[in-house]
N, C-alpha and C. Protein backbone atom coordinates (compact mmCIF):
# COMPACT_ATOMS: atom_id res chain seq x y z
N MET A 1 -150.84 -170.98 -116.33
CA MET A 1 -151.27 -170.81 -114.97
C MET A 1 -152.65 -171.47 -114.81
N LYS A 2 -152.82 -172.19 -113.72
CA LYS A 2 -154.08 -172.88 -113.43
C LYS A 2 -154.63 -172.37 -112.11
N TRP A 3 -155.89 -172.72 -111.81
CA TRP A 3 -156.53 -172.28 -110.58
C TRP A 3 -155.73 -172.68 -109.35
N THR A 4 -155.02 -173.78 -109.42
CA THR A 4 -154.27 -174.26 -108.26
C THR A 4 -152.99 -173.48 -108.01
N ASP A 5 -152.60 -172.62 -108.91
CA ASP A 5 -151.39 -171.79 -108.76
C ASP A 5 -151.72 -170.53 -107.95
N THR A 6 -152.25 -170.73 -106.76
CA THR A 6 -152.78 -169.61 -105.98
C THR A 6 -151.73 -168.54 -105.68
N GLN A 7 -150.53 -168.94 -105.32
CA GLN A 7 -149.50 -167.96 -104.98
C GLN A 7 -149.11 -167.13 -106.20
N LEU A 8 -148.89 -167.79 -107.31
CA LEU A 8 -148.52 -167.09 -108.54
C LEU A 8 -149.65 -166.15 -108.98
N ILE A 9 -150.88 -166.61 -108.88
CA ILE A 9 -152.02 -165.77 -109.24
C ILE A 9 -152.07 -164.54 -108.33
N ALA A 10 -151.87 -164.75 -107.02
CA ALA A 10 -151.89 -163.64 -106.07
C ALA A 10 -150.81 -162.62 -106.40
N GLU A 11 -149.63 -163.08 -106.75
CA GLU A 11 -148.54 -162.17 -107.12
C GLU A 11 -148.89 -161.37 -108.36
N GLU A 12 -149.47 -162.04 -109.35
CA GLU A 12 -149.87 -161.36 -110.58
C GLU A 12 -150.96 -160.33 -110.31
N LEU A 13 -151.93 -160.67 -109.47
CA LEU A 13 -153.00 -159.74 -109.14
C LEU A 13 -152.46 -158.53 -108.38
N TYR A 14 -151.54 -158.77 -107.48
CA TYR A 14 -150.93 -157.67 -106.73
C TYR A 14 -150.21 -156.71 -107.67
N ASP A 15 -149.50 -157.26 -108.63
CA ASP A 15 -148.79 -156.42 -109.60
C ASP A 15 -149.76 -155.66 -110.51
N ARG A 16 -150.84 -156.30 -110.88
CA ARG A 16 -151.79 -155.71 -111.81
C ARG A 16 -152.71 -154.68 -111.15
N PHE A 17 -153.05 -154.93 -109.89
CA PHE A 17 -153.99 -154.06 -109.16
C PHE A 17 -153.37 -153.58 -107.85
N PRO A 18 -152.32 -152.76 -107.92
CA PRO A 18 -151.62 -152.36 -106.70
C PRO A 18 -152.45 -151.49 -105.76
N ASN A 19 -153.49 -150.86 -106.25
CA ASN A 19 -154.29 -149.97 -105.42
C ASN A 19 -155.57 -150.61 -104.90
N ILE A 20 -155.74 -151.90 -105.17
CA ILE A 20 -156.94 -152.61 -104.70
C ILE A 20 -156.64 -153.28 -103.37
N ASP A 21 -157.55 -153.13 -102.42
CA ASP A 21 -157.43 -153.84 -101.15
C ASP A 21 -158.07 -155.22 -101.34
N PRO A 22 -157.28 -156.28 -101.32
CA PRO A 22 -157.83 -157.61 -101.58
C PRO A 22 -158.85 -158.07 -100.52
N LYS A 23 -158.90 -157.40 -99.39
CA LYS A 23 -159.88 -157.76 -98.36
C LYS A 23 -161.29 -157.32 -98.74
N THR A 24 -161.40 -156.40 -99.71
CA THR A 24 -162.71 -155.83 -100.04
C THR A 24 -163.26 -156.32 -101.38
N ILE A 25 -162.58 -157.23 -102.04
CA ILE A 25 -163.03 -157.65 -103.37
C ILE A 25 -164.16 -158.66 -103.30
N ARG A 26 -164.97 -158.64 -104.34
CA ARG A 26 -166.04 -159.64 -104.48
C ARG A 26 -165.49 -160.81 -105.29
N PHE A 27 -165.97 -161.99 -104.99
CA PHE A 27 -165.48 -163.17 -105.70
C PHE A 27 -165.81 -163.13 -107.20
N THR A 28 -166.90 -162.46 -107.56
CA THR A 28 -167.21 -162.35 -108.99
C THR A 28 -166.13 -161.54 -109.71
N ASP A 29 -165.67 -160.46 -109.07
CA ASP A 29 -164.59 -159.66 -109.65
C ASP A 29 -163.29 -160.45 -109.66
N LEU A 30 -163.00 -161.12 -108.55
CA LEU A 30 -161.76 -161.90 -108.46
C LEU A 30 -161.72 -162.96 -109.55
N HIS A 31 -162.81 -163.65 -109.76
CA HIS A 31 -162.88 -164.69 -110.79
C HIS A 31 -162.58 -164.09 -112.16
N ARG A 32 -163.20 -162.98 -112.46
CA ARG A 32 -163.00 -162.32 -113.76
C ARG A 32 -161.56 -161.86 -113.93
N TRP A 33 -160.99 -161.26 -112.89
CA TRP A 33 -159.62 -160.76 -112.97
C TRP A 33 -158.63 -161.90 -113.17
N VAL A 34 -158.84 -163.01 -112.51
CA VAL A 34 -157.96 -164.17 -112.70
C VAL A 34 -158.05 -164.66 -114.14
N MET A 35 -159.27 -164.76 -114.65
CA MET A 35 -159.46 -165.22 -116.02
C MET A 35 -158.77 -164.30 -117.03
N GLU A 36 -158.64 -163.02 -116.71
CA GLU A 36 -158.03 -162.05 -117.62
C GLU A 36 -156.50 -161.97 -117.52
N LEU A 37 -155.91 -162.66 -116.56
CA LEU A 37 -154.45 -162.61 -116.40
C LEU A 37 -153.74 -163.22 -117.60
N ASP A 38 -152.65 -162.58 -118.01
CA ASP A 38 -151.82 -163.14 -119.07
C ASP A 38 -151.26 -164.47 -118.59
N GLY A 39 -151.35 -165.47 -119.41
CA GLY A 39 -150.80 -166.77 -119.06
C GLY A 39 -151.76 -167.66 -118.31
N PHE A 40 -152.95 -167.15 -117.97
CA PHE A 40 -153.92 -168.01 -117.29
C PHE A 40 -154.65 -168.83 -118.32
N ASP A 41 -154.65 -170.14 -118.11
CA ASP A 41 -155.26 -171.05 -119.07
C ASP A 41 -155.88 -172.23 -118.33
N ASP A 42 -157.08 -172.01 -117.83
CA ASP A 42 -157.79 -173.08 -117.13
C ASP A 42 -159.28 -172.89 -117.36
N ASP A 43 -160.01 -173.93 -117.11
CA ASP A 43 -161.46 -173.93 -117.29
C ASP A 43 -162.10 -173.00 -116.25
N PRO A 44 -162.91 -172.03 -116.69
CA PRO A 44 -163.54 -171.10 -115.75
C PRO A 44 -164.40 -171.81 -114.72
N ASN A 45 -164.92 -172.97 -115.06
CA ASN A 45 -165.81 -173.70 -114.16
C ASN A 45 -165.07 -174.54 -113.12
N ARG A 46 -163.75 -174.58 -113.19
CA ARG A 46 -162.97 -175.36 -112.23
C ARG A 46 -162.70 -174.61 -110.95
N SER A 47 -163.06 -173.35 -110.90
CA SER A 47 -162.86 -172.58 -109.68
C SER A 47 -164.12 -172.68 -108.83
N GLY A 48 -163.94 -172.44 -107.57
CA GLY A 48 -165.06 -172.41 -106.64
C GLY A 48 -164.72 -171.49 -105.49
N GLU A 49 -165.59 -171.42 -104.54
CA GLU A 49 -165.39 -170.52 -103.41
C GLU A 49 -164.09 -170.85 -102.67
N ARG A 50 -163.79 -172.10 -102.52
CA ARG A 50 -162.57 -172.51 -101.80
C ARG A 50 -161.30 -172.02 -102.49
N ILE A 51 -161.25 -172.17 -103.80
CA ILE A 51 -160.08 -171.72 -104.56
C ILE A 51 -159.98 -170.20 -104.53
N LEU A 52 -161.10 -169.53 -104.71
CA LEU A 52 -161.09 -168.07 -104.68
C LEU A 52 -160.68 -167.54 -103.32
N GLU A 53 -161.11 -168.21 -102.25
CA GLU A 53 -160.69 -167.82 -100.91
C GLU A 53 -159.18 -167.97 -100.74
N ALA A 54 -158.63 -169.06 -101.28
CA ALA A 54 -157.18 -169.29 -101.18
C ALA A 54 -156.41 -168.22 -101.95
N ILE A 55 -156.91 -167.86 -103.13
CA ILE A 55 -156.26 -166.80 -103.92
C ILE A 55 -156.34 -165.48 -103.17
N GLN A 56 -157.51 -165.17 -102.63
CA GLN A 56 -157.68 -163.92 -101.89
C GLN A 56 -156.74 -163.89 -100.68
N ALA A 57 -156.64 -164.97 -99.94
CA ALA A 57 -155.77 -165.02 -98.76
C ALA A 57 -154.31 -164.81 -99.16
N ALA A 58 -153.88 -165.43 -100.24
CA ALA A 58 -152.50 -165.27 -100.71
C ALA A 58 -152.26 -163.83 -101.16
N TRP A 59 -153.26 -163.22 -101.78
CA TRP A 59 -153.15 -161.83 -102.23
C TRP A 59 -153.04 -160.89 -101.03
N ILE A 60 -153.80 -161.16 -99.98
CA ILE A 60 -153.75 -160.35 -98.77
C ILE A 60 -152.33 -160.40 -98.18
N VAL A 61 -151.77 -161.58 -98.10
CA VAL A 61 -150.40 -161.74 -97.58
C VAL A 61 -149.42 -160.99 -98.48
N GLU A 62 -149.59 -161.10 -99.78
CA GLU A 62 -148.70 -160.42 -100.73
C GLU A 62 -148.80 -158.90 -100.56
N ALA A 63 -149.99 -158.40 -100.31
CA ALA A 63 -150.20 -156.96 -100.16
C ALA A 63 -149.62 -156.41 -98.86
N GLU A 64 -149.50 -157.25 -97.88
CA GLU A 64 -148.96 -156.81 -96.59
C GLU A 64 -147.45 -156.84 -96.65
């Protein structure tokens, strides 16, 4: 899984953190949680605010 796999990452985060409201997360936490996902294998420095926003938006849709 890479940073560009936003939908897959969002699905994994939803499964891993079912009680978290993705609208309230901090990007520092989101970054760390993505890095900790099983199967995630990408450079931590390749993410940025734009990618994290896309992951958060996909997670919000998944949660709804």
